[in-house]
Amino acid sequence: MNMADEFSRERERLNELVLKHANRDIKRFYNLDSQVYREGALSERVKELMGLVASTVLRCDDCIAYHIIECKKAGVSEDEIIETLSIALVVGGSITIPHLRRAIELWEELNGPREI
């Protein structure tokens, strides 16, 4: 099983567990999180890229993986991913480099290695 599949399965399992025990506040937050990334004045692609920047700056590997996978589904190009991660690096500083490495590793897994 690859990293993306493993991550997606574990995320789904844990979300089911949380929702099994969730109160109204947790359910509302989950709903808000889902709705904010839907198509609106900004496209889903742009929102996923914004989520990737925020997740990288906040150094949340689970969130980074989620947004990388969603960017792939939304048809984001590698150049767009790299520019987005460049913004995250400038905003977040060198402490985000390990997260940037893992993001690019996952992106490469989803797309295959880039030819040099």
PDB file of N, CA and C in Angstrom:
ATOM      1  N   MET A   1       0.846  -1.181   0.000  1.00  0.00           N
ATOM      2  CA  MET A   1       0.000   0.000   0.000  1.00  0.00           C
ATOM      3  C   MET A   1       0.890   1.242   0.000  1.00  0.00           C
ATOM      4  N   ASN A   2       0.540   2.230  -0.818  1.00  0.00           N
ATOM      5  CA  ASN A   2       1.358   3.444  -0.869  1.00  0.00           C
ATOM      6  C   ASN A   2       0.953   4.420   0.240  1.00  0.00           C
ATOM      7  N   MET A   3       1.764   5.468   0.393  1.00  0.00           N
ATOM      8  CA  MET A   3       1.546   6.442   1.473  1.00  0.00           C
ATOM      9  C   MET A   3       0.168   7.098   1.383  1.00  0.00           C
ATOM     10  N   ALA A   4      -0.245   7.454   0.181  1.00  0.00           N
ATOM     11  CA  ALA A   4      -1.523   8.152   0.018  1.00  0.00           C
ATOM     12  C   ALA A   4      -2.692   7.254   0.407  1.00  0.00           C
ATOM     13  N   ASP A   5      -2.661   6.003  -0.046  1.00  0.00           N
ATOM     14  CA  ASP A   5      -3.744   5.073   0.306  1.00  0.00           C
ATOM     15  C   ASP A   5      -3.773   4.798   1.802  1.00  0.00           C
ATOM     16  N   GLU A   6      -2.598   4.580   2.378  1.00  0.00           N
ATOM     17  CA  GLU A   6      -2.506   4.317   3.806  1.00  0.00           C
ATOM     18  C   GLU A   6      -3.027   5.508   4.610  1.00  0.00           C
ATOM     19  N   PHE A   7      -2.620   6.706   4.225  1.00  0.00           N
ATOM     20  CA  PHE A   7      -3.080   7.912   4.908  1.00  0.00           C
ATOM     21  C   PHE A   7      -4.600   8.041   4.804  1.00  0.00           C
ATOM     22  N   SER A   8      -5.142   7.878   3.598  1.00  0.00           N
ATOM     23  CA  SER A   8      -6.584   8.052   3.379  1.00  0.00           C
ATOM     24  C   SER A   8      -7.406   7.050   4.181  1.00  0.00           C
ATOM     25  N   ARG A   9      -6.960   5.807   4.220  1.00  0.00           N
ATOM     26  CA  ARG A   9      -7.681   4.783   4.988  1.00  0.00           C
ATOM     27  C   ARG A   9      -7.652   5.081   6.489  1.00  0.00           C
ATOM     28  N   GLU A  10      -6.491   5.456   6.986  1.00  0.00           N
ATOM     29  CA  GLU A  10      -6.372   5.750   8.415  1.00  0.00           C
ATOM     30  C   GLU A  10      -7.181   6.993   8.781  1.00  0.00           C
ATOM     31  N   ARG A  11      -7.167   7.996   7.922  1.00  0.00           N
ATOM     32  CA  ARG A  11      -7.934   9.213   8.169  1.00  0.00           C
ATOM     33  C   ARG A  11      -9.428   8.888   8.222  1.00  0.00           C
ATOM     34  N   GLU A  12      -9.891   8.104   7.275  1.00  0.00           N
ATOM     35  CA  GLU A  12     -11.304   7.729   7.248  1.00  0.00           C
ATOM     36  C   GLU A  12     -11.685   6.942   8.505  1.00  0.00           C
ATOM     37  N   ARG A  13     -10.849   5.995   8.897  1.00  0.00           N
ATOM     38  CA  ARG A  13     -11.115   5.193  10.095  1.00  0.00           C
ATOM     39  C   ARG A  13     -11.203   6.078  11.339  1.00  0.00           C
ATOM     40  N   LEU A  14     -10.254   6.978  11.477  1.00  0.00           N
ATOM     41  CA  LEU A  14     -10.238   7.841  12.656  1.00  0.00           C
ATOM     42  C   LEU A  14     -11.380   8.852  12.649  1.00  0.00           C
ATOM     43  N   ASN A  15     -11.732   9.363  11.475  1.00  0.00           N
ATOM     44  CA  ASN A  15     -12.876  10.279  11.398  1.00  0.00           C
ATOM     45  C   ASN A  15     -14.168   9.570  11.800  1.00  0.00           C
ATOM     46  N   GLU A  16     -14.327   8.312  11.378  1.00  0.00           N
ATOM     47  CA  GLU A  16     -15.505   7.544  11.787  1.00  0.00           C
ATOM     48  C   GLU A  16     -15.536   7.378  13.297  1.00  0.00           C
ATOM     49  N   LEU A  17     -14.399   7.129  13.896  1.00  0.00           N
ATOM     50  CA  LEU A  17     -14.308   6.981  15.343  1.00  0.00           C
ATOM     51  C   LEU A  17     -14.692   8.283  16.050  1.00  0.00           C
ATOM     52  N   VAL A  18     -14.136   9.390  15.570  1.00  0.00           N
ATOM     53  CA  VAL A  18     -14.463  10.693  16.168  1.00  0.00           C
ATOM     54  C   VAL A  18     -15.958  10.967  16.051  1.00  0.00           C
ATOM     55  N   LEU A  19     -16.520  10.767  14.863  1.00  0.00           N
ATOM     56  CA  LEU A  19     -17.935  11.082  14.653  1.00  0.00           C
ATOM     57  C   LEU A  19     -18.859  10.160  15.444  1.00  0.00           C
ATOM     58  N   LYS A  20     -18.405   8.961  15.727  1.00  0.00           N
ATOM     59  CA  LYS A  20     -19.178   8.036  16.571  1.00  0.00           C
ATOM     60  C   LYS A  20     -19.372   8.632  17.967  1.00  0.00           C
ATOM     61  N   HIS A  21     -18.385   9.363  18.444  1.00  0.00           N
ATOM     62  CA  HIS A  21     -18.426   9.940  19.792  1.00  0.00           C
ATOM     63  C   HIS A  21     -18.707  11.445  19.792  1.00  0.00           C
ATOM     64  N   ALA A  22     -18.862  12.029  18.634  1.00  0.00           N
ATOM     65  CA  ALA A  22     -18.924  13.488  18.514  1.00  0.00           C
ATOM     66  C   ALA A  22     -20.190  14.081  19.115  1.00  0.00           C
ATOM     67  N   ASN A  23     -19.991  15.248  19.726  1.00  0.00           N
ATOM     68  CA  ASN A  23     -21.136  16.044  20.153  1.00  0.00           C
ATOM     69  C   ASN A  23     -21.496  17.016  19.025  1.00  0.00           C
ATOM     70  N   ARG A  24     -22.455  17.852  19.280  1.00  0.00           N
ATOM     71  CA  ARG A  24     -22.931  18.792  18.259  1.00  0.00           C
ATOM     72  C   ARG A  24     -21.830  19.752  17.813  1.00  0.00           C
ATOM     73  N   ASP A  25     -20.994  20.216  18.735  1.00  0.00           N
ATOM     74  CA  ASP A  25     -19.934  21.167  18.393  1.00  0.00           C
ATOM     75  C   ASP A  25     -18.909  20.546  17.447  1.00  0.00           C
ATOM     76  N   ILE A  26     -18.508  19.322  17.726  1.00  0.00           N
ATOM     77  CA  ILE A  26     -17.546  18.646  16.847  1.00  0.00           C
ATOM     78  C   ILE A  26     -18.163  18.417  15.472  1.00  0.00           C
ATOM     79  N   LYS A  27     -19.410  17.989  15.432  1.00  0.00           N
ATOM     80  CA  LYS A  27     -20.091  17.766  14.144  1.00  0.00           C
ATOM     81  C   LYS A  27     -20.201  19.067  13.360  1.00  0.00           C
ATOM     82  N   ARG A  28     -20.486  20.161  14.040  1.00  0.00           N
ATOM     83  CA  ARG A  28     -20.576  21.460  13.359  1.00  0.00           C
ATOM     84  C   ARG A  28     -19.227  21.878  12.778  1.00  0.00           C
ATOM     85  N   PHE A  29     -18.156  21.649  13.542  1.00  0.00           N
ATOM     86  CA  PHE A  29     -16.831  21.997  13.041  1.00  0.00           C
ATOM     87  C   PHE A  29     -16.482  21.164  11.815  1.00  0.00           C
ATOM     88  N   TYR A  30     -16.728  19.872  11.868  1.00  0.00           N
ATOM     89  CA  TYR A  30     -16.477  19.004  10.709  1.00  0.00           C
ATOM     90  C   TYR A  30     -17.264  19.481   9.495  1.00  0.00           C
ATOM     91  N   ASN A  31     -18.507  19.869   9.702  1.00  0.00           N
ATOM     92  CA  ASN A  31     -19.338  20.360   8.607  1.00  0.00           C
ATOM     93  C   ASN A  31     -18.776  21.660   8.029  1.00  0.00           C
ATOM     94  N   LEU A  32     -18.383  22.576   8.902  1.00  0.00           N
ATOM     95  CA  LEU A  32     -17.796  23.843   8.449  1.00  0.00           C
ATOM     96  C   LEU A  32     -16.526  23.586   7.647  1.00  0.00           C
ATOM     97  N   ASP A  33     -15.679  22.684   8.130  1.00  0.00           N
ATOM     98  CA  ASP A  33     -14.440  22.345   7.431  1.00  0.00           C
ATOM     99  C   ASP A  33     -14.735  21.829   6.029  1.00  0.00           C
ATOM    100  N   SER A  34     -15.738  20.992   5.885  1.00  0.00           N
ATOM    101  CA  SER A  34     -16.105  20.465   4.562  1.00  0.00           C
ATOM    102  C   SER A  34     -16.636  21.564   3.651  1.00  0.00           C
ATOM    103  N   GLN A  35     -17.480  22.415   4.191  1.00  0.00           N
ATOM    104  CA  GLN A  35     -18.127  23.436   3.370  1.00  0.00           C
ATOM    105  C   GLN A  35     -17.171  24.525   2.899  1.00  0.00           C
ATOM    106  N   VAL A  36     -16.206  24.895   3.710  1.00  0.00           N
ATOM    107  CA  VAL A  36     -15.334  26.015   3.361  1.00  0.00           C
ATOM    108  C   VAL A  36     -14.470  25.701   2.129  1.00  0.00           C
ATOM    109  N   TYR A  37     -14.216  24.436   1.843  1.00  0.00           N
ATOM    110  CA  TYR A  37     -13.381  24.066   0.695  1.00  0.00           C
ATOM    111  C   TYR A  37     -14.182  23.829  -0.583  1.00  0.00           C
ATOM    112  N   ARG A  38     -15.494  23.987  -0.519  1.00  0.00           N
ATOM    113  CA  ARG A  38     -16.321  23.826  -1.717  1.00  0.00           C
ATOM    114  C   ARG A  38     -16.154  25.009  -2.657  1.00  0.00           C
ATOM    115  N   GLU A  39     -16.465  24.765  -3.921  1.00  0.00           N
ATOM    116  CA  GLU A  39     -16.412  25.800  -4.957  1.00  0.00           C
ATOM    117  C   GLU A  39     -17.235  27.007  -4.519  1.00  0.00           C
ATOM    118  N   GLY A  40     -16.686  28.182  -4.694  1.00  0.00           N
ATOM    119  CA  GLY A  40     -17.376  29.431  -4.353  1.00  0.00           C
ATOM    120  C   GLY A  40     -16.747  30.537  -5.169  1.00  0.00           C
ATOM    121  N   ALA A  41     -16.546  31.693  -4.554  1.00  0.00           N
ATOM    122  CA  ALA A  41     -15.850  32.777  -5.257  1.00  0.00           C
ATOM    123  C   ALA A  41     -14.443  32.324  -5.630  1.00  0.00           C
ATOM    124  N   LEU A  42     -13.849  31.483  -4.788  1.00  0.00           N
ATOM    125  CA  LEU A  42     -12.560  30.852  -5.093  1.00  0.00           C
ATOM    126  C   LEU A  42     -12.824  29.417  -5.516  1.00  0.00           C
ATOM    127  N   SER A  43     -12.043  28.940  -6.455  1.00  0.00           N
ATOM    128  CA  SER A  43     -12.197  27.562  -6.913  1.00  0.00           C
ATOM    129  C   SER A  43     -11.713  26.583  -5.842  1.00  0.00           C
ATOM    130  N   GLU A  44     -12.158  25.343  -5.946  1.00  0.00           N
ATOM    131  CA  GLU A  44     -11.682  24.308  -5.030  1.00  0.00           C
ATOM    132  C   GLU A  44     -10.167  24.168  -5.135  1.00  0.00           C
ATOM    133  N   ARG A  45      -9.625  24.283  -6.344  1.00  0.00           N
ATOM    134  CA  ARG A  45      -8.174  24.174  -6.551  1.00  0.00           C
ATOM    135  C   ARG A  45      -7.435  25.229  -5.729  1.00  0.00           C
ATOM    136  N   VAL A  46      -7.887  26.469  -5.826  1.00  0.00           N
ATOM    137  CA  VAL A  46      -7.241  27.565  -5.103  1.00  0.00           C
ATOM    138  C   VAL A  46      -7.369  27.341  -3.596  1.00  0.00           C
ATOM    139  N   LYS A  47      -8.529  26.921  -3.152  1.00  0.00           N
ATOM    140  CA  LYS A  47      -8.732  26.685  -1.721  1.00  0.00           C
ATOM    141  C   LYS A  47      -7.835  25.566  -1.209  1.00  0.00           C
ATOM    142  N   GLU A  48      -7.646  24.518  -1.992  1.00  0.00           N
ATOM    143  CA  GLU A  48      -6.751  23.430  -1.572  1.00  0.00           C
ATOM    144  C   GLU A  48      -5.304  23.918  -1.507  1.00  0.00           C
ATOM    145  N   LEU A  49      -4.913  24.751  -2.450  1.00  0.00           N
ATOM    146  CA  LEU A  49      -3.557  25.314  -2.413  1.00  0.00           C
ATOM    147  C   LEU A  49      -3.377  26.207  -1.189  1.00  0.00           C
ATOM    148  N   MET A  50      -4.399  26.979  -0.862  1.00  0.00           N
ATOM    149  CA  MET A  50      -4.341  27.815   0.338  1.00  0.00           C
ATOM    150  C   MET A  50      -4.259  26.942   1.587  1.00  0.00           C
ATOM    151  N   GLY A  51      -5.024  25.862   1.600  1.00  0.00           N
ATOM    152  CA  GLY A  51      -4.968  24.932   2.721  1.00  0.00           C
ATOM    153  C   GLY A  51      -3.589  24.309   2.860  1.00  0.00           C
ATOM    154  N   LEU A  52      -2.943  24.046   1.713  1.00  0.00           N
ATOM    155  CA  LEU A  52      -1.593  23.480   1.734  1.00  0.00           C
ATOM    156  C   LEU A  52      -0.597  24.467   2.336  1.00  0.00           C
ATOM    157  N   VAL A  53      -0.703  25.732   1.990  1.00  0.00           N
ATOM    158  CA  VAL A  53       0.182  26.746   2.577  1.00  0.00           C
ATOM    159  C   VAL A  53      -0.027  26.811   4.089  1.00  0.00           C
ATOM    160  N   ALA A  54      -1.276  26.943   4.504  1.00  0.00           N
ATOM    161  CA  ALA A  54      -1.559  27.059   5.938  1.00  0.00           C
ATOM    162  C   ALA A  54      -1.077  25.818   6.697  1.00  0.00           C
ATOM    163  N   SER A  55      -1.321  24.659   6.136  1.00  0.00           N
ATOM    164  CA  SER A  55      -0.922  23.416   6.799  1.00  0.00           C
ATOM    165  C   SER A  55       0.586  23.287   6.907  1.00  0.00           C
ATOM    166  N   THR A  56       1.288  23.740   5.887  1.00  0.00           N
ATOM    167  CA  THR A  56       2.753  23.686   5.906  1.00  0.00           C
ATOM    168  C   THR A  56       3.299  24.661   6.939  1.00  0.00           C
ATOM    169  N   VAL A  57       2.773  25.867   6.943  1.00  0.00           N
ATOM    170  CA  VAL A  57       3.230  26.869   7.914  1.00  0.00           C
ATOM    171  C   VAL A  57       2.946  26.393   9.344  1.00  0.00           C
ATOM    172  N   LEU A  58       1.807  25.733   9.538  1.00  0.00           N
ATOM    173  CA  LEU A  58       1.459  25.221  10.864  1.00  0.00           C
ATOM    174  C   LEU A  58       2.138  23.882  11.171  1.00  0.00           C
ATOM    175  N   ARG A  59       2.812  23.323  10.177  1.00  0.00           N
ATOM    176  CA  ARG A  59       3.597  22.088  10.320  1.00  0.00           C
ATOM    177  C   ARG A  59       2.741  20.889  10.721  1.00  0.00           C
ATOM    178  N   CYS A  60       1.598  20.745  10.047  1.00  0.00           N
ATOM    179  CA  CYS A  60       0.693  19.622  10.291  1.00  0.00           C
ATOM    180  C   CYS A  60       0.827  18.616   9.148  1.00  0.00           C
ATOM    181  N   ASP A  61       1.603  17.556   9.377  1.00  0.00           N
ATOM    182  CA  ASP A  61       1.834  16.576   8.314  1.00  0.00           C
ATOM    183  C   ASP A  61       0.552  15.910   7.829  1.00  0.00           C
ATOM    184  N   ASP A  62      -0.383  15.599   8.732  1.00  0.00           N
ATOM    185  CA  ASP A  62      -1.654  15.013   8.295  1.00  0.00           C
ATOM    186  C   ASP A  62      -2.398  15.972   7.363  1.00  0.00           C
ATOM    187  N   CYS A  63      -2.428  17.238   7.735  1.00  0.00           N
ATOM    188  CA  CYS A  63      -3.127  18.236   6.914  1.00  0.00           C
ATOM    189  C   CYS A  63      -2.428  18.423   5.572  1.00  0.00           C
ATOM    190  N   ILE A  64      -1.112  18.441   5.590  1.00  0.00           N
ATOM    191  CA  ILE A  64      -0.344  18.572   4.349  1.00  0.00           C
ATOM    192  C   ILE A  64      -0.665  17.410   3.423  1.00  0.00           C
ATOM    193  N   ALA A  65      -0.642  16.192   3.959  1.00  0.00           N
ATOM    194  CA  ALA A  65      -0.946  15.009   3.143  1.00  0.00           C
ATOM    195  C   ALA A  65      -2.359  15.109   2.568  1.00  0.00           C
ATOM    196  N   TYR A  66      -3.307  15.494   3.393  1.00  0.00           N
ATOM    197  CA  TYR A  66      -4.690  15.639   2.921  1.00  0.00           C
ATOM    198  C   TYR A  66      -4.765  16.624   1.758  1.00  0.00           C
ATOM    199  N   HIS A  67      -4.146  17.786   1.916  1.00  0.00           N
ATOM    200  CA  HIS A  67      -4.242  18.807   0.869  1.00  0.00           C
ATOM    201  C   HIS A  67      -3.454  18.423  -0.383  1.00  0.00           C
ATOM    202  N   ILE A  68      -2.339  17.730  -0.234  1.00  0.00           N
ATOM    203  CA  ILE A  68      -1.605  17.242  -1.415  1.00  0.00           C
ATOM    204  C   ILE A  68      -2.497  16.282  -2.212  1.00  0.00           C
ATOM    205  N   ILE A  69      -3.142  15.350  -1.519  1.00  0.00           N
ATOM    206  CA  ILE A  69      -4.032  14.390  -2.188  1.00  0.00           C
ATOM    207  C   ILE A  69      -5.200  15.112  -2.849  1.00  0.00           C
ATOM    208  N   GLU A  70      -5.792  16.074  -2.153  1.00  0.00           N
ATOM    209  CA  GLU A  70      -6.916  16.826  -2.721  1.00  0.00           C
ATOM    210  C   GLU A  70      -6.468  17.695  -3.896  1.00  0.00           C
ATOM    211  N   CYS A  71      -5.263  18.243  -3.836  1.00  0.00           N
ATOM    212  CA  CYS A  71      -4.730  19.015  -4.965  1.00  0.00           C
ATOM    213  C   CYS A  71      -4.590  18.126  -6.192  1.00  0.00           C
ATOM    214  N   LYS A  72      -4.110  16.922  -5.988  1.00  0.00           N
ATOM    215  CA  LYS A  72      -3.987  15.971  -7.104  1.00  0.00           C
ATOM    216  C   LYS A  72      -5.353  15.706  -7.717  1.00  0.00           C
ATOM    217  N   LYS A  73      -6.349  15.442  -6.878  1.00  0.00           N
ATOM    218  CA  LYS A  73      -7.716  15.191  -7.360  1.00  0.00           C
ATOM    219  C   LYS A  73      -8.273  16.396  -8.114  1.00  0.00           C
ATOM    220  N   ALA A  74      -7.891  17.602  -7.680  1.00  0.00           N
ATOM    221  CA  ALA A  74      -8.403  18.837  -8.290  1.00  0.00           C
ATOM    222  C   ALA A  74      -7.651  19.226  -9.563  1.00  0.00           C
ATOM    223  N   GLY A  75      -6.637  18.451  -9.939  1.00  0.00           N
ATOM    224  CA  GLY A  75      -5.914  18.726 -11.171  1.00  0.00           C
ATOM    225  C   GLY A  75      -4.833  19.779 -11.064  1.00  0.00           C
ATOM    226  N   VAL A  76      -4.346  20.014  -9.858  1.00  0.00           N
ATOM    227  CA  VAL A  76      -3.274  20.983  -9.657  1.00  0.00           C
ATOM    228  C   VAL A  76      -1.992  20.450 -10.293  1.00  0.00           C
ATOM    229  N   SER A  77      -1.247  21.318 -10.933  1.00  0.00           N
ATOM    230  CA  SER A  77      -0.004  20.912 -11.598  1.00  0.00           C
ATOM    231  C   SER A  77       1.160  20.898 -10.608  1.00  0.00           C
ATOM    232  N   GLU A  78       2.241  20.233 -11.002  1.00  0.00           N
ATOM    233  CA  GLU A  78       3.429  20.218 -10.154  1.00  0.00           C
ATOM    234  C   GLU A  78       3.987  21.624  -9.975  1.00  0.00           C
ATOM    235  N   ASP A  79       3.995  22.414 -11.031  1.00  0.00           N
ATOM    236  CA  ASP A  79       4.495  23.786 -10.908  1.00  0.00           C
ATOM    237  C   ASP A  79       3.687  24.576  -9.879  1.00  0.00           C
ATOM    238  N   GLU A  80       2.370  24.366  -9.860  1.00  0.00           N
ATOM    239  CA  GLU A  80       1.526  25.051  -8.875  1.00  0.00           C
ATOM    240  C   GLU A  80       1.840  24.575  -7.454  1.00  0.00           C
ATOM    241  N   ILE A  81       2.077  23.278  -7.302  1.00  0.00           N
ATOM    242  CA  ILE A  81       2.430  22.733  -5.979  1.00  0.00           C
ATOM    243  C   ILE A  81       3.746  23.343  -5.498  1.00  0.00           C
ATOM    244  N   ILE A  82       4.735  23.376  -6.374  1.00  0.00           N
ATOM    245  CA  ILE A  82       6.053  23.896  -5.987  1.00  0.00           C
ATOM    246  C   ILE A  82       5.972  25.377  -5.644  1.00  0.00           C
ATOM    247  N   GLU A  83       5.238  26.168  -6.424  1.00  0.00           N
ATOM    248  CA  GLU A  83       5.087  27.591  -6.096  1.00  0.00           C
ATOM    249  C   GLU A  83       4.357  27.768  -4.771  1.00  0.00           C
ATOM    250  N   THR A  84       3.352  26.946  -4.533  1.00  0.00           N
ATOM    251  CA  THR A  84       2.601  27.013  -3.282  1.00  0.00           C
ATOM    252  C   THR A  84       3.502  26.682  -2.102  1.00  0.00           C
ATOM    253  N   LEU A  85       4.298  25.631  -2.234  1.00  0.00           N
ATOM    254  CA  LEU A  85       5.220  25.261  -1.160  1.00  0.00           C
ATOM    255  C   LEU A  85       6.317  26.308  -0.976  1.00  0.00           C
ATOM    256  N   SER A  86       6.667  27.012  -2.046  1.00  0.00           N
ATOM    257  CA  SER A  86       7.631  28.116  -1.937  1.00  0.00           C
ATOM    258  C   SER A  86       7.069  29.231  -1.060  1.00  0.00           C
ATOM    259  N   ILE A  87       5.798  29.536  -1.245  1.00  0.00           N
ATOM    260  CA  ILE A  87       5.147  30.553  -0.410  1.00  0.00           C
ATOM    261  C   ILE A  87       5.145  30.094   1.049  1.00  0.00           C
ATOM    262  N   ALA A  88       4.793  28.828   1.258  1.00  0.00           N
ATOM    263  CA  ALA A  88       4.773  28.284   2.621  1.00  0.00           C
ATOM    264  C   ALA A  88       6.153  28.360   3.272  1.00  0.00           C
ATOM    265  N   LEU A  89       7.185  28.083   2.501  1.00  0.00           N
ATOM    266  CA  LEU A  89       8.553  28.132   3.026  1.00  0.00           C
ATOM    267  C   LEU A  89       8.935  29.554   3.416  1.00  0.00           C
ATOM    268  N   VAL A  90       8.586  30.522   2.589  1.00  0.00           N
ATOM    269  CA  VAL A  90       8.912  31.915   2.893  1.00  0.00           C
ATOM    270  C   VAL A  90       8.147  32.386   4.132  1.00  0.00           C
ATOM    271  N   VAL A  91       6.879  32.024   4.215  1.00  0.00           N
ATOM    272  CA  VAL A  91       6.068  32.444   5.357  1.00  0.00           C
ATOM    273  C   VAL A  91       6.485  31.696   6.625  1.00  0.00           C
ATOM    274  N   GLY A  92       6.704  30.390   6.507  1.00  0.00           N
ATOM    275  CA  GLY A  92       6.968  29.561   7.673  1.00  0.00           C
ATOM    276  C   GLY A  92       8.424  29.456   8.077  1.00  0.00           C
ATOM    277  N   GLY A  93       9.318  29.741   7.159  1.00  0.00           N
ATOM    278  CA  GLY A  93      10.743  29.668   7.461  1.00  0.00           C
ATOM    279  C   GLY A  93      11.314  28.265   7.346  1.00  0.00           C
ATOM    280  N   SER A  94      12.582  28.163   7.691  1.00  0.00           N
ATOM    281  CA  SER A  94      13.316  26.912   7.493  1.00  0.00           C
ATOM    282  C   SER A  94      12.771  25.754   8.319  1.00  0.00           C
ATOM    283  N   ILE A  95      12.027  26.045   9.376  1.00  0.00           N
ATOM    284  CA  ILE A  95      11.469  24.966  10.190  1.00  0.00           C
ATOM    285  C   ILE A  95      10.445  24.143   9.403  1.00  0.00           C
ATOM    286  N   THR A  96       9.943  24.688   8.290  1.00  0.00           N
ATOM    287  CA  THR A  96       8.971  23.945   7.472  1.00  0.00           C
ATOM    288  C   THR A  96       9.649  23.000   6.473  1.00  0.00           C
ATOM    289  N   ILE A  97      10.961  23.045   6.354  1.00  0.00           N
ATOM    290  CA  ILE A  97      11.661  22.229   5.351  1.00  0.00           C
ATOM    291  C   ILE A  97      11.369  20.737   5.501  1.00  0.00           C
ATOM    292  N   PRO A  98      11.404  20.146   6.696  1.00  0.00           N
ATOM    293  CA  PRO A  98      11.075  18.717   6.771  1.00  0.00           C
ATOM    294  C   PRO A  98       9.661  18.397   6.251  1.00  0.00           C
ATOM    295  N   HIS A  99       8.733  19.309   6.463  1.00  0.00           N
ATOM    296  CA  HIS A  99       7.357  19.114   6.001  1.00  0.00           C
ATOM    297  C   HIS A  99       7.278  19.283   4.487  1.00  0.00           C
ATOM    298  N   LEU A 100       8.043  20.212   3.969  1.00  0.00           N
ATOM    299  CA  LEU A 100       8.141  20.401   2.523  1.00  0.00           C
ATOM    300  C   LEU A 100       8.692  19.134   1.868  1.00  0.00           C
ATOM    301  N   ARG A 101       9.700  18.525   2.475  1.00  0.00           N
ATOM    302  CA  ARG A 101      10.275  17.282   1.939  1.00  0.00           C
ATOM    303  C   ARG A 101       9.214  16.185   1.843  1.00  0.00           C
ATOM    304  N   ARG A 102       8.456  16.005   2.926  1.00  0.00           N
ATOM    305  CA  ARG A 102       7.438  14.950   2.925  1.00  0.00           C
ATOM    306  C   ARG A 102       6.306  15.264   1.949  1.00  0.00           C
ATOM    307  N   ALA A 103       5.976  16.539   1.804  1.00  0.00           N
ATOM    308  CA  ALA A 103       4.939  16.929   0.840  1.00  0.00           C
ATOM    309  C   ALA A 103       5.372  16.583  -0.576  1.00  0.00           C
ATOM    310  N   ILE A 104       6.601  16.896  -0.912  1.00  0.00           N
ATOM    311  CA  ILE A 104       7.101  16.607  -2.261  1.00  0.00           C
ATOM    312  C   ILE A 104       7.231  15.103  -2.476  1.00  0.00           C
ATOM    313  N   GLU A 105       7.629  14.375  -1.437  1.00  0.00           N
ATOM    314  CA  GLU A 105       7.704  12.916  -1.550  1.00  0.00           C
ATOM    315  C   GLU A 105       6.328  12.327  -1.870  1.00  0.00           C
ATOM    316  N   LEU A 106       5.288  12.793  -1.183  1.00  0.00           N
ATOM    317  CA  LEU A 106       3.935  12.314  -1.439  1.00  0.00           C
ATOM    318  C   LEU A 106       3.478  12.726  -2.831  1.00  0.00           C
ATOM    319  N   TRP A 107       3.747  13.966  -3.226  1.00  0.00           N
ATOM    320  CA  TRP A 107       3.376  14.431  -4.559  1.00  0.00           C
ATOM    321  C   TRP A 107       4.031  13.541  -5.624  1.00  0.00           C
ATOM    322  N   GLU A 108       5.307  13.233  -5.435  1.00  0.00           N
ATOM    323  CA  GLU A 108       6.014  12.380  -6.392  1.00  0.00           C
ATOM    324  C   GLU A 108       5.405  10.982  -6.417  1.00  0.00           C
ATOM    325  N   GLU A 109       5.010  10.464  -5.267  1.00  0.00           N
ATOM    326  CA  GLU A 109       4.363   9.158  -5.236  1.00  0.00           C
ATOM    327  C   GLU A 109       3.072   9.169  -6.051  1.00  0.00           C
ATOM    328  N   LEU A 110       2.313  10.244  -5.926  1.00  0.00           N
ATOM    329  CA  LEU A 110       1.047  10.356  -6.645  1.00  0.00           C
ATOM    330  C   LEU A 110       1.236  10.543  -8.150  1.00  0.00           C
ATOM    331  N   ASN A 111       2.370  11.129  -8.551  1.00  0.00           N
ATOM    332  CA  ASN A 111       2.569  11.517  -9.950  1.00  0.00           C
ATOM    333  C   ASN A 111       3.710  10.802 -10.651  1.00  0.00           C
ATOM    334  N   GLY A 112       4.525  10.101  -9.915  1.00  0.00           N
ATOM    335  CA  GLY A 112       5.726   9.508 -10.497  1.00  0.00           C
ATOM    336  C   GLY A 112       6.868  10.499 -10.442  1.00  0.00           C
ATOM    337  N   PRO A 113       8.111   9.991 -10.498  1.00  0.00           N
ATOM    338  CA  PRO A 113       9.263  10.882 -10.415  1.00  0.00           C
ATOM    339  C   PRO A 113       9.346  11.817 -11.618  1.00  0.00           C
ATOM    340  N   ARG A 114       9.851  12.999 -11.370  1.00  0.00           N
ATOM    341  CA  ARG A 114      10.014  14.000 -12.431  1.00  0.00           C
ATOM    342  C   ARG A 114      11.287  13.677 -13.201  1.00  0.00           C
ATOM    343  N   GLU A 115      11.200  13.785 -14.509  1.00  0.00           N
ATOM    344  CA  GLU A 115      12.368  13.556 -15.352  1.00  0.00           C
ATOM    345  C   GLU A 115      13.230  14.814 -15.363  1.00  0.00           C
ATOM    346  N   ILE A 116      14.514  14.627 -15.162  1.00  0.00           N
ATOM    347  CA  ILE A 116      15.432  15.778 -15.118  1.00  0.00           C
ATOM    348  C   ILE A 116      16.084  15.955 -16.454  1.00  0.00           C
TER     349      ILE A 116
END
